[in-house]
């Protein structure tokens, strides 16, 4: 791996690209109980080791589990849903429904083919947000 990093560094220099090694981390993806530290260098600077990284909005953990991704997705979906409920408190059902389909469902569905939730707790957490979104979209505002 260090050989590939050295070649990448040479390529970056040839193409006048600056890569900040302080923003780079090394992650080892394995289920084995490996304790050896990773010793990768970019030039003369050692890359820090991390237990997870975020790539295209998906959290990749070194233990190859998706619990953090599910928690992150559920929190992000709840945040979007509560924003919609707060802003459109007295809006009509069509607007609420369109808002939920535009802002909440894409958050819940993004990357699921990659991190496919399989645990019952993970599925229930995602379903709670989706059911609440459907319920709030169809809730009729009372008129005073």
Protein backbone atom coordinates (compact mmCIF):
# COMPACT_ATOMS: atom_id res chain seq x y z
CA UNK A 1 0.00 0.00 0.00
CA UNK A 2 2.85 2.39 0.78
CA UNK A 3 4.20 1.84 -2.75
CA UNK A 4 0.85 2.96 -4.19
CA UNK A 5 0.84 6.04 -1.95
CA UNK A 6 4.36 6.92 -3.14
CA UNK A 7 3.30 6.58 -6.79
CA UNK A 8 0.24 8.73 -6.11
CA UNK A 9 2.44 11.36 -4.50
CA UNK A 10 4.76 11.37 -7.55
CA UNK A 11 1.76 11.71 -9.87
CA UNK A 12 0.42 14.62 -7.81
CA UNK A 13 3.78 16.39 -8.00
CA UNK A 14 4.00 15.84 -11.78
CA UNK A 15 0.51 17.27 -12.26
CA UNK A 16 1.06 20.16 -9.82
CA UNK A 17 -1.64 18.99 -7.44
CA UNK A 18 -1.35 19.70 -3.75
CA UNK A 19 -2.71 17.04 -1.43
CA UNK A 20 -2.97 17.87 2.25
CA UNK A 21 -1.87 14.81 4.26
CA UNK A 22 -3.34 16.40 7.40
CA UNK A 23 -6.81 15.86 5.95
CA UNK A 24 -6.11 12.21 5.05
CA UNK A 25 -6.63 9.21 7.28
CA UNK A 26 -5.79 5.53 7.02
CA UNK A 27 -8.58 3.03 7.69
CA UNK A 28 -8.21 -0.75 7.85
CA UNK A 29 -11.38 -2.65 6.95
CA UNK A 30 -11.40 -6.08 8.57
CA UNK A 31 -13.27 -8.23 11.04
CA UNK A 32 -9.98 -9.68 12.32
CA UNK A 33 -8.59 -8.48 15.63
CA UNK A 34 -5.48 -6.86 14.21
CA UNK A 35 -3.59 -4.71 16.69
CA UNK A 36 -0.60 -3.59 14.56
CA UNK A 37 -0.71 0.14 13.89
CA UNK A 38 -0.87 1.30 10.30
CA UNK A 39 2.33 3.02 9.22
CA UNK A 40 1.55 4.87 6.02
CA UNK A 41 3.30 8.07 5.02
CA UNK A 42 2.57 10.87 2.58
CA UNK A 43 5.99 12.30 1.95
CA UNK A 44 7.51 12.61 5.39
CA UNK A 45 4.20 12.99 7.23
CA UNK A 46 2.57 9.94 8.82
CA UNK A 47 -1.12 9.42 8.04
CA UNK A 48 -3.33 9.15 11.11
CA UNK A 49 -5.31 5.96 11.64
CA UNK A 50 -9.11 6.24 11.90
CA UNK A 51 -11.81 3.75 12.82
CA UNK A 52 -14.28 5.07 10.24
CA UNK A 53 -14.56 7.46 7.34
CA UNK A 54 -17.37 9.17 5.49
CA UNK A 55 -17.42 8.68 1.73
CA UNK A 56 -20.18 10.19 -0.42
CA UNK A 57 -22.37 10.56 2.67
CA UNK A 58 -22.03 6.94 3.75
CA UNK A 59 -20.14 6.07 6.93
CA UNK A 60 -17.71 3.22 6.40
CA UNK A 61 -16.56 1.61 9.65
CA UNK A 62 -13.43 -0.47 10.05
CA UNK A 63 -15.51 -3.26 11.67
CA UNK A 64 -17.67 -3.57 8.52
CA UNK A 65 -20.90 -2.92 10.44
CA UNK A 66 -23.57 -0.42 9.48
CA UNK A 67 -25.00 0.61 12.86
CA UNK A 68 -23.38 4.06 12.71
CA UNK A 69 -24.75 4.64 9.21
CA UNK A 70 -28.28 3.72 10.31
CA UNK A 71 -28.08 6.03 13.35
CA UNK A 72 -26.73 8.85 11.17
CA UNK A 73 -29.49 8.36 8.59
CA UNK A 74 -32.28 8.20 11.18
CA UNK A 75 -31.05 11.37 12.90
CA UNK A 76 -30.78 13.21 9.59
CA UNK A 77 -34.29 12.10 8.55
CA UNK A 78 -35.81 13.15 11.91
CA UNK A 79 -34.14 16.54 11.57
CA UNK A 80 -35.63 17.02 8.09
CA UNK A 81 -39.06 15.82 9.24
CA UNK A 82 -39.19 18.12 12.26
CA UNK A 83 -38.13 21.01 10.04
CA UNK A 84 -41.05 20.27 7.70
CA UNK A 85 -43.49 19.90 10.59
CA UNK A 86 -42.33 23.21 12.11
CA UNK A 87 -42.42 25.21 8.88
CA UNK A 88 -45.59 23.71 7.41
CA UNK A 89 -47.58 23.43 10.63
CA UNK A 90 -50.69 24.92 8.99
CA UNK A 91 -49.92 23.96 5.40
CA UNK A 92 -52.16 21.82 3.24
CA UNK A 93 -51.72 18.06 2.87
CA UNK A 94 -50.37 18.23 -0.68
CA UNK A 95 -47.56 20.56 0.35
CA UNK A 96 -46.72 18.44 3.39
CA UNK A 97 -46.75 15.25 1.36
CA UNK A 98 -44.57 16.71 -1.37
CA UNK A 99 -42.15 18.07 1.25
CA UNK A 100 -41.85 14.69 2.96
CA UNK A 101 -41.29 12.91 -0.33
CA UNK A 102 -38.68 15.50 -1.35
CA UNK A 103 -36.80 15.96 1.92
CA UNK A 104 -37.28 12.91 4.13
CA UNK A 105 -37.60 9.88 1.86
CA UNK A 106 -34.40 10.57 -0.13
CA UNK A 107 -32.47 10.72 3.15
CA UNK A 108 -33.90 7.36 4.22
CA UNK A 109 -33.27 5.70 0.86
CA UNK A 110 -29.85 7.14 -0.03
CA UNK A 111 -27.30 4.36 -0.36
CA UNK A 112 -29.52 1.62 1.08
CA UNK A 113 -28.37 -0.77 -1.62
CA UNK A 114 -24.89 -0.38 -0.13
CA UNK A 115 -25.65 -0.45 3.60
CA UNK A 116 -28.84 -2.54 3.44
CA UNK A 117 -30.29 -2.50 6.98
CA UNK A 118 -30.92 -6.08 8.07
CA UNK A 119 -31.23 -5.90 11.86
CA UNK A 120 -34.73 -5.66 13.29
CA UNK A 121 -33.79 -2.64 15.41
CA UNK A 122 -32.30 -0.86 12.40
CA UNK A 123 -35.36 -1.52 10.26
CA UNK A 124 -37.72 -0.40 13.05
CA UNK A 125 -35.81 2.86 13.55
CA UNK A 126 -36.06 3.67 9.84
CA UNK A 127 -39.73 2.64 9.72
CA UNK A 128 -40.63 4.91 12.67
CA UNK A 129 -39.39 7.96 10.77
CA UNK A 130 -41.18 6.92 7.59
CA UNK A 131 -44.47 6.27 9.40
CA UNK A 132 -44.28 9.59 11.25
CA UNK A 133 -43.61 11.37 7.95
CA UNK A 134 -46.64 9.72 6.35
CA UNK A 135 -48.80 10.52 9.37
CA UNK A 136 -47.74 14.18 9.49
CA UNK A 137 -48.29 14.57 5.74
CA UNK A 138 -51.88 13.35 6.04
CA UNK A 139 -52.67 15.22 9.28
CA UNK A 140 -55.32 17.84 8.82
CA UNK A 141 -54.65 21.24 10.32
CA UNK A 142 -57.41 22.50 12.60
CA UNK A 143 -58.84 25.85 11.67
CA UNK A 144 -59.65 28.35 14.35
